[in-house]
C-alpha atoms as a PDB file:
ATOM      1  CA  UNK A   1     118.045  -9.791-324.144  1.00  0.00           C
ATOM      2  CA  UNK A   2     119.985 -10.360-320.976  1.00  0.00           C
ATOM      3  CA  UNK A   3     119.168 -11.901-317.626  1.00  0.00           C
ATOM      4  CA  UNK A   4     118.613  -9.344-314.905  1.00  0.00           C
ATOM      5  CA  UNK A   5     120.617 -10.207-311.758  1.00  0.00           C
ATOM      6  CA  UNK A   6     118.450 -11.628-308.940  1.00  0.00           C
ATOM      7  CA  UNK A   7     117.880  -9.020-306.224  1.00  0.00           C
ATOM      8  CA  UNK A   8     118.200 -11.593-303.475  1.00  0.00           C
ATOM      9  CA  UNK A   9     121.841 -12.239-304.482  1.00  0.00           C
ATOM     10  CA  UNK A  10     123.088  -8.847-305.771  1.00  0.00           C
ATOM     11  CA  UNK A  11     121.373  -6.249-303.567  1.00  0.00           C
ATOM     12  CA  UNK A  12     122.899  -7.229-300.172  1.00  0.00           C
ATOM     13  CA  UNK A  13     126.405  -7.055-301.622  1.00  0.00           C
ATOM     14  CA  UNK A  14     125.867  -3.647-303.281  1.00  0.00           C
ATOM     15  CA  UNK A  15     124.304  -2.178-300.134  1.00  0.00           C
ATOM     16  CA  UNK A  16     127.132  -3.462-297.980  1.00  0.00           C
ATOM     17  CA  UNK A  17     129.646  -1.695-300.212  1.00  0.00           C
ATOM     18  CA  UNK A  18     127.745   1.590-300.591  1.00  0.00           C
ATOM     19  CA  UNK A  19     126.180   2.266-297.182  1.00  0.00           C
ATOM     20  CA  UNK A  20     129.440   2.802-295.223  1.00  0.00           C
ATOM     21  CA  UNK A  21     130.577   5.369-297.845  1.00  0.00           C
ATOM     22  CA  UNK A  22     127.471   7.564-297.553  1.00  0.00           C
ATOM     23  CA  UNK A  23     126.837  10.412-295.167  1.00  0.00           C
ATOM     24  CA  UNK A  24     123.502  10.544-293.282  1.00  0.00           C
ATOM     25  CA  UNK A  25     122.128  12.617-296.176  1.00  0.00           C
ATOM     26  CA  UNK A  26     123.005   9.904-298.664  1.00  0.00           C
ATOM     27  CA  UNK A  27     125.653  11.804-300.727  1.00  0.00           C
ATOM     28  CA  UNK A  28     129.355  10.870-300.901  1.00  0.00           C
ATOM     29  CA  UNK A  29     131.614  13.132-298.810  1.00  0.00           C
ATOM     30  CA  UNK A  30     135.233  14.119-298.963  1.00  0.00           C
ATOM     31  CA  UNK A  31     136.970  13.703-295.636  1.00  0.00           C
ATOM     32  CA  UNK A  32     140.186  15.219-294.536  1.00  0.00           C
ATOM     33  CA  UNK A  33     143.127  12.889-294.411  1.00  0.00           C
ATOM     34  CA  UNK A  34     143.300  13.103-290.640  1.00  0.00           C
ATOM     35  CA  UNK A  35     139.650  12.122-290.112  1.00  0.00           C
ATOM     36  CA  UNK A  36     139.578   9.014-292.299  1.00  0.00           C
ATOM     37  CA  UNK A  37     138.577   5.841-290.420  1.00  0.00           C
ATOM     38  CA  UNK A  38     141.112   3.134-289.978  1.00  0.00           C
ATOM     39  CA  UNK A  39     141.100  -0.005-292.113  1.00  0.00           C
ATOM     40  CA  UNK A  40     139.784  -1.992-289.125  1.00  0.00           C
ATOM     41  CA  UNK A  41     136.877   0.446-288.676  1.00  0.00           C
ATOM     42  CA  UNK A  42     135.925   0.209-292.360  1.00  0.00           C
ATOM     43  CA  UNK A  43     136.013  -3.570-292.183  1.00  0.00           C
ATOM     44  CA  UNK A  44     133.807  -3.553-289.059  1.00  0.00           C
ATOM     45  CA  UNK A  45     131.239  -1.250-290.722  1.00  0.00           C
ATOM     46  CA  UNK A  46     131.122  -3.441-293.806  1.00  0.00           C
ATOM     47  CA  UNK A  47     130.593  -6.570-291.696  1.00  0.00           C
ATOM     48  CA  UNK A  48     127.794  -4.961-289.629  1.00  0.00           C
ATOM     49  CA  UNK A  49     125.981  -3.673-292.717  1.00  0.00           C
ATOM     50  CA  UNK A  50     126.189  -6.985-294.541  1.00  0.00           C
ATOM     51  CA  UNK A  51     124.904  -8.869-291.472  1.00  0.00           C
ATOM     52  CA  UNK A  52     121.907  -6.512-291.156  1.00  0.00           C
ATOM     53  CA  UNK A  53     121.008  -6.861-294.832  1.00  0.00           C
ATOM     54  CA  UNK A  54     121.275 -10.634-294.679  1.00  0.00           C
ATOM     55  CA  UNK A  55     119.003 -10.742-291.609  1.00  0.00           C
ATOM     56  CA  UNK A  56     116.361  -8.666-293.406  1.00  0.00           C
ATOM     57  CA  UNK A  57     116.595 -10.911-296.470  1.00  0.00           C
ATOM     58  CA  UNK A  58     116.053 -14.050-294.379  1.00  0.00           C
ATOM     59  CA  UNK A  59     113.077 -12.507-292.584  1.00  0.00           C
ATOM     60  CA  UNK A  60     111.377 -11.402-295.812  1.00  0.00           C
ATOM     61  CA  UNK A  61     112.006 -14.741-297.495  1.00  0.00           C
ATOM     62  CA  UNK A  62     110.453 -16.596-294.563  1.00  0.00           C
ATOM     63  CA  UNK A  63     107.358 -14.396-294.683  1.00  0.00           C
ATOM     64  CA  UNK A  64     107.070 -14.844-298.454  1.00  0.00           C
ATOM     65  CA  UNK A  65     107.434 -18.628-298.302  1.00  0.00           C
ATOM     66  CA  UNK A  66     104.752 -18.945-295.606  1.00  0.00           C
ATOM     67  CA  UNK A  67     102.071 -17.793-298.078  1.00  0.00           C
ATOM     68  CA  UNK A  68     100.814 -20.586-300.304  1.00  0.00           C
ATOM     69  CA  UNK A  69      98.779 -19.841-303.461  1.00  0.00           C
ATOM     70  CA  UNK A  70      95.109 -20.768-303.128  1.00  0.00           C
ATOM     71  CA  UNK A  71      95.077 -20.722-299.342  1.00  0.00           C
ATOM     72  CA  UNK A  72      92.362 -18.262-298.347  1.00  0.00           C
ATOM     73  CA  UNK A  73      93.689 -18.036-294.791  1.00  0.00           C
ATOM     74  CA  UNK A  74      97.344 -17.651-295.794  1.00  0.00           C
ATOM     75  CA  UNK A  75      97.473 -13.893-295.182  1.00  0.00           C
ATOM     76  CA  UNK A  76      96.243 -14.435-291.634  1.00  0.00           C
ATOM     77  CA  UNK A  77      99.271 -16.602-290.893  1.00  0.00           C
ATOM     78  CA  UNK A  78     101.486 -13.517-291.072  1.00  0.00           C
ATOM     79  CA  UNK A  79      99.541 -11.927-288.216  1.00  0.00           C
ATOM     80  CA  UNK A  80     100.259 -12.725-284.562  1.00  0.00           C
ATOM     81  CA  UNK A  81      98.005 -15.448-283.229  1.00  0.00           C
ATOM     82  CA  UNK A  82      95.643 -13.948-280.719  1.00  0.00           C
ATOM     83  CA  UNK A  83      95.190 -16.992-278.516  1.00  0.00           C
ATOM     84  CA  UNK A  84      96.238 -20.561-277.880  1.00  0.00           C
ATOM     85  CA  UNK A  85      93.832 -23.312-278.883  1.00  0.00           C
ATOM     86  CA  UNK A  86      92.619 -26.080-276.597  1.00  0.00           C
ATOM     87  CA  UNK A  87      93.652 -29.730-276.905  1.00  0.00           C
ATOM     88  CA  UNK A  88      90.992 -32.378-276.301  1.00  0.00           C
ATOM     89  CA  UNK A  89      91.267 -36.167-276.244  1.00  0.00           C
ATOM     90  CA  UNK A  90      88.390 -38.278-277.533  1.00  0.00           C
ATOM     91  CA  UNK A  91      87.687 -41.905-278.444  1.00  0.00           C
ATOM     92  CA  UNK A  92      84.132 -41.557-279.777  1.00  0.00           C
ATOM     93  CA  UNK A  93      85.028 -41.618-283.473  1.00  0.00           C
ATOM     94  CA  UNK A  94      87.968 -41.822-285.838  1.00  0.00           C
ATOM     95  CA  UNK A  95      89.045 -42.278-289.429  1.00  0.00           C
ATOM     96  CA  UNK A  96      87.169 -45.092-291.151  1.00  0.00           C
ATOM     97  CA  UNK A  97      83.875 -44.796-289.289  1.00  0.00           C
ATOM     98  CA  UNK A  98      80.884 -45.255-291.623  1.00  0.00           C
ATOM     99  CA  UNK A  99      77.232 -45.237-290.553  1.00  0.00           C
ATOM    100  CA  UNK A 100      74.375 -46.055-292.931  1.00  0.00           C
ATOM    101  CA  UNK A 101      70.751 -45.126-292.164  1.00  0.00           C
ATOM    102  CA  UNK A 102      67.386 -45.888-293.692  1.00  0.00           C
ATOM    103  CA  UNK A 103      65.378 -42.675-294.016  1.00  0.00           C
ATOM    104  CA  UNK A 104      61.712 -43.445-293.449  1.00  0.00           C
ATOM    105  CA  UNK A 105      58.749 -41.216-294.239  1.00  0.00           C
ATOM    106  CA  UNK A 106      55.820 -42.783-292.438  1.00  0.00           C
ATOM    107  CA  UNK A 107      55.850 -46.476-293.401  1.00  0.00           C
ATOM    108  CA  UNK A 108      57.839 -45.814-296.585  1.00  0.00           C
ATOM    109  CA  UNK A 109      61.619 -46.113-296.821  1.00  0.00           C
ATOM    110  CA  UNK A 110      62.236 -42.959-298.816  1.00  0.00           C
ATOM    111  CA  UNK A 111      66.017 -42.659-298.828  1.00  0.00           C
ATOM    112  CA  UNK A 112      69.428 -43.462-297.456  1.00  0.00           C
ATOM    113  CA  UNK A 113      71.764 -41.343-295.324  1.00  0.00           C
ATOM    114  CA  UNK A 114      75.477 -41.984-294.827  1.00  0.00           C
ATOM    115  CA  UNK A 115      77.823 -40.441-292.240  1.00  0.00           C
ATOM    116  CA  UNK A 116      81.461 -41.122-293.037  1.00  0.00           C
ATOM    117  CA  UNK A 117      84.924 -40.110-291.792  1.00  0.00           C
ATOM    118  CA  UNK A 118      87.041 -41.238-294.772  1.00  0.00           C
ATOM    119  CA  UNK A 119      90.375 -39.636-293.868  1.00  0.00           C
ATOM    120  CA  UNK A 120      92.258 -36.718-292.341  1.00  0.00           C
ATOM    121  CA  UNK A 121      92.930 -33.574-294.361  1.00  0.00           C
ATOM    122  CA  UNK A 122      94.966 -30.421-293.754  1.00  0.00           C
ATOM    123  CA  UNK A 123      92.975 -27.174-293.678  1.00  0.00           C
ATOM    124  CA  UNK A 124      94.641 -23.818-292.915  1.00  0.00           C
ATOM    125  CA  UNK A 125      97.683 -25.733-291.732  1.00  0.00           C
ATOM    126  CA  UNK A 126      95.663 -27.760-289.190  1.00  0.00           C
ATOM    127  CA  UNK A 127      95.100 -31.528-289.202  1.00  0.00           C
ATOM    128  CA  UNK A 128      91.371 -32.222-289.467  1.00  0.00           C
ATOM    129  CA  UNK A 129      88.900 -35.084-289.678  1.00  0.00           C
ATOM    130  CA  UNK A 130      87.059 -34.928-292.986  1.00  0.00           C
ATOM    131  CA  UNK A 131      83.414 -35.706-292.147  1.00  0.00           C
ATOM    132  CA  UNK A 132      80.914 -36.343-294.935  1.00  0.00           C
ATOM    133  CA  UNK A 133      77.136 -36.595-294.613  1.00  0.00           C
ATOM    134  CA  UNK A 134      74.930 -37.435-297.598  1.00  0.00           C
ATOM    135  CA  UNK A 135      71.182 -37.907-297.948  1.00  0.00           C
ATOM    136  CA  UNK A 136      69.737 -39.375-301.135  1.00  0.00           C
ATOM    137  CA  UNK A 137      66.166 -40.317-301.940  1.00  0.00           C
ATOM    138  CA  UNK A 138      65.571 -43.798-303.378  1.00  0.00           C
ATOM    139  CA  UNK A 139      64.492 -44.070-307.020  1.00  0.00           C
ATOM    140  CA  UNK A 140      61.091 -45.330-305.878  1.00  0.00           C
ATOM    141  CA  UNK A 141      60.549 -42.072-303.967  1.00  0.00           C
ATOM    142  CA  UNK A 142      62.421 -39.575-306.148  1.00  0.00           C
ATOM    143  CA  UNK A 143      59.517 -39.226-308.559  1.00  0.00           C
ATOM    144  CA  UNK A 144      57.572 -37.740-305.626  1.00  0.00           C
ATOM    145  CA  UNK A 145      60.345 -35.643-304.095  1.00  0.00           C
ATOM    146  CA  UNK A 146      63.992 -36.025-305.089  1.00  0.00           C
ATOM    147  CA  UNK A 147      66.689 -35.326-302.505  1.00  0.00           C
ATOM    148  CA  UNK A 148      70.460 -35.249-303.109  1.00  0.00           C
ATOM    149  CA  UNK A 149      72.042 -33.409-300.180  1.00  0.00           C
ATOM    150  CA  UNK A 150      75.687 -33.340-299.153  1.00  0.00           C
ATOM    151  CA  UNK A 151      77.284 -31.798-296.077  1.00  0.00           C
ATOM    152  CA  UNK A 152      81.022 -31.648-295.433  1.00  0.00           C
ATOM    153  CA  UNK A 153      82.888 -30.435-292.380  1.00  0.00           C
ATOM    154  CA  UNK A 154      86.585 -30.417-291.459  1.00  0.00           C
ATOM    155  CA  UNK A 155      86.939 -30.904-287.694  1.00  0.00           C
ATOM    156  CA  UNK A 156      90.236 -30.078-286.002  1.00  0.00           C
ATOM    157  CA  UNK A 157      91.776 -33.241-284.538  1.00  0.00           C
ATOM    158  CA  UNK A 158      92.948 -31.428-281.385  1.00  0.00           C
ATOM    159  CA  UNK A 159      90.237 -28.832-280.723  1.00  0.00           C
ATOM    160  CA  UNK A 160      87.224 -30.657-282.283  1.00  0.00           C
ATOM    161  CA  UNK A 161      86.162 -27.308-283.769  1.00  0.00           C
ATOM    162  CA  UNK A 162      85.636 -26.863-287.526  1.00  0.00           C
ATOM    163  CA  UNK A 163      87.854 -24.999-289.972  1.00  0.00           C
ATOM    164  CA  UNK A 164      85.598 -25.384-292.989  1.00  0.00           C
ATOM    165  CA  UNK A 165      81.978 -26.320-293.713  1.00  0.00           C
ATOM    166  CA  UNK A 166      80.196 -27.000-296.985  1.00  0.00           C
ATOM    167  CA  UNK A 167      76.508 -27.490-297.680  1.00  0.00           C
ATOM    168  CA  UNK A 168      75.175 -28.585-301.083  1.00  0.00           C
ATOM    169  CA  UNK A 169      71.414 -29.032-301.127  1.00  0.00           C
ATOM    170  CA  UNK A 170      69.350 -30.482-303.957  1.00  0.00           C
ATOM    171  CA  UNK A 171      65.751 -30.953-302.808  1.00  0.00           C
ATOM    172  CA  UNK A 172      63.086 -30.895-305.522  1.00  0.00           C
ATOM    173  CA  UNK A 173      63.602 -27.635-307.380  1.00  0.00           C
ATOM    174  CA  UNK A 174      65.441 -26.053-304.429  1.00  0.00           C
ATOM    175  CA  UNK A 175      69.198 -25.497-304.767  1.00  0.00           C
ATOM    176  CA  UNK A 176      71.670 -24.102-302.271  1.00  0.00           C
ATOM    177  CA  UNK A 177      75.471 -24.120-302.069  1.00  0.00           C
ATOM    178  CA  UNK A 178      77.099 -22.612-298.999  1.00  0.00           C
ATOM    179  CA  UNK A 179      80.734 -22.627-297.837  1.00  0.00           C
ATOM    180  CA  UNK A 180      82.169 -21.206-294.603  1.00  0.00           C
ATOM    181  CA  UNK A 181      85.813 -21.044-293.511  1.00  0.00           C
ATOM    182  CA  UNK A 182      86.380 -20.563-289.783  1.00  0.00           C
ATOM    183  CA  UNK A 183      89.499 -18.836-288.481  1.00  0.00           C
ATOM    184  CA  UNK A 184      89.550 -20.189-284.934  1.00  0.00           C
ATOM    185  CA  UNK A 185      92.628 -18.075-284.081  1.00  0.00           C
ATOM    186  CA  UNK A 186      91.221 -14.669-285.014  1.00  0.00           C
ATOM    187  CA  UNK A 187      87.520 -15.564-284.524  1.00  0.00           C
ATOM    188  CA  UNK A 188      86.342 -14.719-288.041  1.00  0.00           C
ATOM    189  CA  UNK A 189      84.210 -16.633-290.521  1.00  0.00           C
ATOM    190  CA  UNK A 190      84.569 -16.110-294.248  1.00  0.00           C
ATOM    191  CA  UNK A 191      81.592 -17.417-296.212  1.00  0.00           C
ATOM    192  CA  UNK A 192      80.216 -17.342-299.729  1.00  0.00           C
ATOM    193  CA  UNK A 193      77.955 -14.546-298.475  1.00  0.00           C
ATOM    194  CA  UNK A 194      80.352 -12.352-296.468  1.00  0.00           C
ATOM    195  CA  UNK A 195      82.666 -12.188-293.436  1.00  0.00           C
ATOM    196  CA  UNK A 196      81.535 -12.261-289.819  1.00  0.00           C
ATOM    197  CA  UNK A 197      82.815 -12.349-286.245  1.00  0.00           C
ATOM    198  CA  UNK A 198      82.380 -15.675-284.443  1.00  0.00           C
ATOM    199  CA  UNK A 199      82.580 -16.843-280.810  1.00  0.00           C
ATOM    200  CA  UNK A 200      85.418 -19.147-279.810  1.00  0.00           C
ATOM    201  CA  UNK A 201      85.099 -22.773-280.907  1.00  0.00           C
ATOM    202  CA  UNK A 202      82.015 -22.048-282.960  1.00  0.00           C
ATOM    203  CA  UNK A 203      80.497 -25.069-284.734  1.00  0.00           C
ATOM    204  CA  UNK A 204      78.594 -25.830-287.854  1.00  0.00           C
ATOM    205  CA  UNK A 205      75.686 -28.210-287.326  1.00  0.00           C
ATOM    206  CA  UNK A 206      77.717 -31.270-288.353  1.00  0.00           C
ATOM    207  CA  UNK A 207      80.790 -30.560-286.234  1.00  0.00           C
ATOM    208  CA  UNK A 208      78.492 -29.775-283.278  1.00  0.00           C
ATOM    209  CA  UNK A 209      76.990 -33.241-283.585  1.00  0.00           C
ATOM    210  CA  UNK A 210      80.385 -34.970-283.586  1.00  0.00           C
ATOM    211  CA  UNK A 211      81.593 -32.814-280.699  1.00  0.00           C
ATOM    212  CA  UNK A 212      78.478 -33.729-278.663  1.00  0.00           C
ATOM    213  CA  UNK A 213      79.388 -37.390-279.143  1.00  0.00           C
ATOM    214  CA  UNK A 214      82.643 -36.836-277.242  1.00  0.00           C
ATOM    215  CA  UNK A 215      80.951 -35.423-274.128  1.00  0.00           C
ATOM    216  CA  UNK A 216      80.436 -37.386-270.916  1.00  0.00           C
ATOM    217  CA  UNK A 217      76.695 -37.635-270.286  1.00  0.00           C
ATOM    218  CA  UNK A 218      76.919 -39.821-267.169  1.00  0.00           C
ATOM    219  CA  UNK A 219      76.576 -37.003-264.655  1.00  0.00           C
ATOM    220  CA  UNK A 220      74.072 -34.930-266.636  1.00  0.00           C
ATOM    221  CA  UNK A 221      70.566 -34.622-265.177  1.00  0.00           C
ATOM    222  CA  UNK A 222      67.475 -35.052-267.327  1.00  0.00           C
ATOM    223  CA  UNK A 223      66.591 -31.706-268.870  1.00  0.00           C
ATOM    224  CA  UNK A 224      70.170 -30.458-268.652  1.00  0.00           C
ATOM    225  CA  UNK A 225      73.028 -30.409-271.142  1.00  0.00           C
ATOM    226  CA  UNK A 226      75.747 -28.290-272.744  1.00  0.00           C
ATOM    227  CA  UNK A 227      75.255 -25.094-274.741  1.00  0.00           C
ATOM    228  CA  UNK A 228      77.316 -24.748-277.912  1.00  0.00           C
ATOM    229  CA  UNK A 229      77.462 -22.089-280.598  1.00  0.00           C
ATOM    230  CA  UNK A 230      76.337 -22.908-284.121  1.00  0.00           C
ATOM    231  CA  UNK A 231      77.173 -20.699-287.115  1.00  0.00           C
ATOM    232  CA  UNK A 232      74.922 -20.655-290.167  1.00  0.00           C
ATOM    233  CA  UNK A 233      74.430 -18.228-293.066  1.00  0.00           C
ATOM    234  CA  UNK A 234      75.613 -15.008-291.380  1.00  0.00           C
ATOM    235  CA  UNK A 235      75.093 -15.443-287.639  1.00  0.00           C
ATOM    236  CA  UNK A 236      76.079 -17.503-284.635  1.00  0.00           C
ATOM    237  CA  UNK A 237      73.278 -19.095-282.634  1.00  0.00           C
ATOM    238  CA  UNK A 238      73.173 -20.761-279.249  1.00  0.00           C
ATOM    239  CA  UNK A 239      72.735 -24.514-279.616  1.00  0.00           C
ATOM    240  CA  UNK A 240      71.431 -26.107-276.449  1.00  0.00           C
ATOM    241  CA  UNK A 241      71.595 -29.910-276.247  1.00  0.00           C
ATOM    242  CA  UNK A 242      69.483 -31.384-273.462  1.00  0.00           C
ATOM    243  CA  UNK A 243      69.210 -34.919-272.108  1.00  0.00           C
ATOM    244  CA  UNK A 244      65.732 -36.460-272.316  1.00  0.00           C
ATOM    245  CA  UNK A 245      66.515 -39.811-270.711  1.00  0.00           C
ATOM    246  CA  UNK A 246      67.622 -43.368-271.511  1.00  0.00           C
ATOM    247  CA  UNK A 247      65.951 -46.132-273.496  1.00  0.00           C
ATOM    248  CA  UNK A 248      66.634 -49.555-274.992  1.00  0.00           C
ATOM    249  CA  UNK A 249      66.035 -49.338-278.740  1.00  0.00           C
ATOM    250  CA  UNK A 250      65.914 -51.908-281.548  1.00  0.00           C
ATOM    251  CA  UNK A 251      66.845 -50.835-285.100  1.00  0.00           C
ATOM    252  CA  UNK A 252      68.069 -52.622-288.216  1.00  0.00           C
ATOM    253  CA  UNK A 253      71.672 -52.697-286.924  1.00  0.00           C
ATOM    254  CA  UNK A 254      70.692 -54.325-283.600  1.00  0.00           C
ATOM    255  CA  UNK A 255      69.381 -53.516-280.126  1.00  0.00           C
ATOM    256  CA  UNK A 256      71.180 -50.917-278.028  1.00  0.00           C
ATOM    257  CA  UNK A 257      71.057 -49.145-274.708  1.00  0.00           C
ATOM    258  CA  UNK A 258      70.760 -45.480-275.660  1.00  0.00           C
ATOM    259  CA  UNK A 259      70.740 -41.986-274.270  1.00  0.00           C
ATOM    260  CA  UNK A 260      68.113 -39.703-275.782  1.00  0.00           C
ATOM    261  CA  UNK A 261      69.058 -36.082-276.481  1.00  0.00           C
ATOM    262  CA  UNK A 262      67.354 -33.126-278.117  1.00  0.00           C
ATOM    263  CA  UNK A 263      69.338 -30.391-279.875  1.00  0.00           C
ATOM    264  CA  UNK A 264      67.342 -27.166-279.737  1.00  0.00           C
ATOM    265  CA  UNK A 265      68.268 -25.948-283.212  1.00  0.00           C
ATOM    266  CA  UNK A 266      67.129 -22.451-284.127  1.00  0.00           C
ATOM    267  CA  UNK A 267      68.785 -22.247-287.536  1.00  0.00           C
ATOM    268  CA  UNK A 268      70.979 -24.275-289.852  1.00  0.00           C
ATOM    269  CA  UNK A 269      69.599 -27.737-289.171  1.00  0.00           C
ATOM    270  CA  UNK A 270      70.104 -30.696-291.453  1.00  0.00           C
ATOM    271  CA  UNK A 271      66.422 -30.403-292.317  1.00  0.00           C
ATOM    272  CA  UNK A 272      64.097 -27.397-292.522  1.00  0.00           C
ATOM    273  CA  UNK A 273      62.711 -28.115-289.083  1.00  0.00           C
ATOM    274  CA  UNK A 274      59.384 -26.922-287.816  1.00  0.00           C
ATOM    275  CA  UNK A 275      59.365 -29.037-284.659  1.00  0.00           C
ATOM    276  CA  UNK A 276      61.542 -31.244-282.497  1.00  0.00           C
ATOM    277  CA  UNK A 277      64.671 -33.161-283.411  1.00  0.00           C
ATOM    278  CA  UNK A 278      65.338 -36.137-281.130  1.00  0.00           C
ATOM    279  CA  UNK A 279      68.475 -38.289-281.338  1.00  0.00           C
ATOM    280  CA  UNK A 280      69.174 -41.716-279.781  1.00  0.00           C
ATOM    281  CA  UNK A 281      72.916 -42.282-279.109  1.00  0.00           C
ATOM    282  CA  UNK A 282      74.529 -45.510-277.935  1.00  0.00           C
ATOM    283  CA  UNK A 283      75.125 -45.295-274.190  1.00  0.00           C
ATOM    284  CA  UNK A 284      78.860 -46.036-274.328  1.00  0.00           C
ATOM    285  CA  UNK A 285      82.143 -44.421-275.379  1.00  0.00           C
ATOM    286  CA  UNK A 286      81.216 -44.272-279.098  1.00  0.00           C
ATOM    287  CA  UNK A 287      77.817 -42.568-278.790  1.00  0.00           C
ATOM    288  CA  UNK A 288      76.944 -43.374-282.385  1.00  0.00           C
ATOM    289  CA  UNK A 289      73.447 -42.285-283.472  1.00  0.00           C
ATOM    290  CA  UNK A 290      71.041 -45.186-283.948  1.00  0.00           C
ATOM    291  CA  UNK A 291      67.884 -43.167-284.581  1.00  0.00           C
ATOM    292  CA  UNK A 292      66.990 -39.573-285.472  1.00  0.00           C
ATOM    293  CA  UNK A 293      63.396 -38.361-285.488  1.00  0.00           C
ATOM    294  CA  UNK A 294      62.761 -35.038-287.205  1.00  0.00           C
ATOM    295  CA  UNK A 295      59.667 -32.943-287.778  1.00  0.00           C
ATOM    296  CA  UNK A 296      59.790 -31.319-291.206  1.00  0.00           C
ATOM    297  CA  UNK A 297      57.380 -29.428-293.393  1.00  0.00           C
ATOM    298  CA  UNK A 298      56.076 -32.587-295.064  1.00  0.00           C
ATOM    299  CA  UNK A 299      55.624 -34.567-291.841  1.00  0.00           C
ATOM    300  CA  UNK A 300      57.838 -36.733-289.638  1.00  0.00           C
ATOM    301  CA  UNK A 301      61.045 -38.398-290.787  1.00  0.00           C
ATOM    302  CA  UNK A 302      62.772 -41.268-288.984  1.00  0.00           C
ATOM    303  CA  UNK A 303      66.355 -42.222-289.745  1.00  0.00           C
ATOM    304  CA  UNK A 304      67.404 -45.577-288.284  1.00  0.00           C
ATOM    305  CA  UNK A 305      70.850 -47.162-288.276  1.00  0.00           C
ATOM    306  CA  UNK A 306      71.031 -50.085-290.703  1.00  0.00           C
ATOM    307  CA  UNK A 307      74.739 -50.891-290.660  1.00  0.00           C
ATOM    308  CA  UNK A 308      78.025 -49.611-289.246  1.00  0.00           C
ATOM    309  CA  UNK A 309      81.744 -50.224-289.741  1.00  0.00           C
ATOM    310  CA  UNK A 310      85.158 -48.795-288.889  1.00  0.00           C
ATOM    311  CA  UNK A 311      84.272 -47.766-285.338  1.00  0.00           C
ATOM    312  CA  UNK A 312      86.935 -46.417-282.973  1.00  0.00           C
ATOM    313  CA  UNK A 313      86.216 -49.269-280.534  1.00  0.00           C
ATOM    314  CA  UNK A 314      83.605 -51.784-279.386  1.00  0.00           C
ATOM    315  CA  UNK A 315      79.934 -50.916-278.870  1.00  0.00           C
ATOM    316  CA  UNK A 316      79.500 -51.920-275.228  1.00  0.00           C
ATOM    317  CA  UNK A 317      75.883 -50.764-275.299  1.00  0.00           C
ATOM    318  CA  UNK A 318      74.800 -53.398-277.809  1.00  0.00           C
ATOM    319  CA  UNK A 319      72.356 -55.917-276.334  1.00  0.00           C
ATOM    320  CA  UNK A 320      72.949 -59.400-277.755  1.00  0.00           C
END
């Protein structure tokens, strides 16, 4: 057995030698002595041919090397980008933030919820915040209804739009695993259930929440608020977030001045909602959630902030 010569090294040299000696039809020709090109002309043709072949080799190698195995969006990188993405500055959250909530069903503490930004990850070549949200029922409540839910979103550091979303639900006998990858350049979503067009800067329900924290609510009138787009399952839905007012609120983590907002979720909520979802956010630069009240099939659930750490800055809304 012998080693076949590598095409990347041998082919350009062979082509450079053969191409100048071929007629347009590709067959060797016999020329009269008087019509033969000069030595300088032959040398020029050889140099031009070799330069062209080398340029093609470099271009193809660059395209090949840009595709990484296992990257589901790698093929899209070879296509022209259809638009430039926005760049937003924010100081509401950052790496290290961890919020812990008691989940109360009536007068019973039924579970614990944790929102965490443990690190930055690279997704589709973009630097993203990795945001994790887990909800687990306590052992004392699990015998009634066990919950082990996990949500994961990767939020672009510059655009604050997601590139990937995962949902893993374990509630009683119900199971659901859902993954969506968002191509924010070409406005396509690839999910475990198909591919779909998306509006620009579409959100999953988790990234929408973190994006809403970065907004300035000072000049917003009661009843007003931004409209986002939320993708879930196979569609994009309008997600209106309206301001309900302001309120001082005491929870396990302390007493805070808060702004009260209501996301009008049609689909894809963190709970199977049949009524209102109301959220109390600290009335400062961080806008961390201190309470969430949700109407679900089995009644009303309150999640209240018990502890926090790793914030991006001070909580100026805390009342000592």
